[in-house]
Amino acid sequence: MVTLNVCAGAGDIFELKEITSLLRAVAKAVELILAIVLCCLTVLTVSTAIVLLMGKGGG
């Protein structure tokens, strides 16, 4: 994400409008996908902890 934003900044410096807008859109898409993955990871972690506690596997 940082790399995409840095490259978009470089595109701004060289006034490359098309590639800059493409890089910014890709950066937003990557951020959205990362947020979805982190949300799923959180749900999976919490549900695993609940199942372990219900099955007396947690102590």
C-alpha atoms as a PDB file:
ATOM      1  CA  MET A   1       0.000   0.000   0.000  1.00  0.00           C
ATOM      2  CA  VAL A   2       2.795   2.374   0.873  1.00  0.00           C
ATOM      3  CA  THR A   3       4.563   1.500  -2.364  1.00  0.00           C
ATOM      4  CA  LEU A   4       1.436   2.162  -4.395  1.00  0.00           C
ATOM      5  CA  ASN A   5       0.976   5.557  -2.765  1.00  0.00           C
ATOM      6  CA  VAL A   6       4.651   6.447  -3.274  1.00  0.00           C
ATOM      7  CA  CYS A   7       4.412   5.473  -6.939  1.00  0.00           C
ATOM      8  CA  ALA A   8       1.224   7.531  -7.282  1.00  0.00           C
ATOM      9  CA  GLY A   9       3.098  10.465  -5.757  1.00  0.00           C
ATOM     10  CA  ALA A  10       5.872  10.002  -8.281  1.00  0.00           C
ATOM     11  CA  GLY A  11       3.231   9.970 -11.010  1.00  0.00           C
ATOM     12  CA  ASP A  12       1.933  13.288  -9.679  1.00  0.00           C
ATOM     13  CA  ILE A  13       5.423  14.757  -9.849  1.00  0.00           C
ATOM     14  CA  PHE A  14       5.811  13.723 -13.479  1.00  0.00           C
ATOM     15  CA  GLU A  15       2.194  14.734 -14.254  1.00  0.00           C
ATOM     16  CA  LEU A  16       1.099  11.260 -15.369  1.00  0.00           C
ATOM     17  CA  LYS A  17      -2.629  11.587 -14.714  1.00  0.00           C
ATOM     18  CA  GLU A  18      -3.807   8.205 -16.005  1.00  0.00           C
ATOM     19  CA  ILE A  19      -1.282   6.039 -14.184  1.00  0.00           C
ATOM     20  CA  THR A  20      -1.638   8.112 -11.012  1.00  0.00           C
ATOM     21  CA  SER A  21      -5.399   7.617 -10.895  1.00  0.00           C
ATOM     22  CA  LEU A  22      -4.929   3.901 -11.604  1.00  0.00           C
ATOM     23  CA  LEU A  23      -2.390   3.518  -8.798  1.00  0.00           C
ATOM     24  CA  ARG A  24      -4.610   5.375  -6.341  1.00  0.00           C
ATOM     25  CA  ALA A  25      -7.585   3.156  -7.260  1.00  0.00           C
ATOM     26  CA  VAL A  26      -5.486   0.020  -6.837  1.00  0.00           C
ATOM     27  CA  ALA A  27      -4.280   1.257  -3.439  1.00  0.00           C
ATOM     28  CA  LYS A  28      -7.883   1.785  -2.305  1.00  0.00           C
ATOM     29  CA  ALA A  29      -8.841  -1.688  -3.534  1.00  0.00           C
ATOM     30  CA  VAL A  30      -5.920  -3.284  -1.695  1.00  0.00           C
ATOM     31  CA  GLU A  31      -6.880  -1.434   1.495  1.00  0.00           C
ATOM     32  CA  LEU A  32     -10.457  -2.685   1.178  1.00  0.00           C
ATOM     33  CA  ILE A  33      -9.352  -6.287   0.619  1.00  0.00           C
ATOM     34  CA  LEU A  34      -7.003  -6.072   3.609  1.00  0.00           C
ATOM     35  CA  ALA A  35      -9.824  -4.752   5.805  1.00  0.00           C
ATOM     36  CA  ILE A  36     -12.088  -7.626   4.753  1.00  0.00           C
ATOM     37  CA  VAL A  37      -9.363 -10.203   5.417  1.00  0.00           C
ATOM     38  CA  LEU A  38      -8.651  -8.742   8.866  1.00  0.00           C
ATOM     39  CA  CYS A  39     -12.363  -8.789   9.703  1.00  0.00           C
ATOM     40  CA  CYS A  40     -12.627 -12.451   8.697  1.00  0.00           C
ATOM     41  CA  LEU A  41      -9.502 -13.250  10.703  1.00  0.00           C
ATOM     42  CA  THR A  42     -11.010 -11.624  13.781  1.00  0.00           C
ATOM     43  CA  VAL A  43     -14.266 -13.558  13.425  1.00  0.00           C
ATOM     44  CA  LEU A  44     -12.352 -16.814  12.955  1.00  0.00           C
ATOM     45  CA  THR A  45     -10.183 -16.175  16.022  1.00  0.00           C
ATOM     46  CA  VAL A  46     -13.141 -15.312  18.251  1.00  0.00           C
ATOM     47  CA  SER A  47     -15.209 -18.268  17.080  1.00  0.00           C
ATOM     48  CA  THR A  48     -12.277 -20.644  17.607  1.00  0.00           C
ATOM     49  CA  ALA A  49     -11.825 -19.351  21.147  1.00  0.00           C
ATOM     50  CA  ILE A  50     -15.530 -19.816  21.869  1.00  0.00           C
ATOM     51  CA  VAL A  51     -15.523 -23.393  20.521  1.00  0.00           C
ATOM     52  CA  LEU A  52     -12.438 -24.228  22.595  1.00  0.00           C
ATOM     53  CA  LEU A  53     -14.055 -22.833  25.736  1.00  0.00           C
ATOM     54  CA  MET A  54     -17.304 -24.702  25.106  1.00  0.00           C
ATOM     55  CA  GLY A  55     -15.418 -27.974  24.621  1.00  0.00           C
ATOM     56  CA  LYS A  56     -13.375 -27.458  27.811  1.00  0.00           C
ATOM     57  CA  GLY A  57     -10.262 -27.210  25.662  1.00  0.00           C
ATOM     58  CA  GLY A  58      -9.320 -23.856  27.121  1.00  0.00           C
ATOM     59  CA  GLY A  59      -8.485 -24.958  30.582  1.00  0.00           C
END
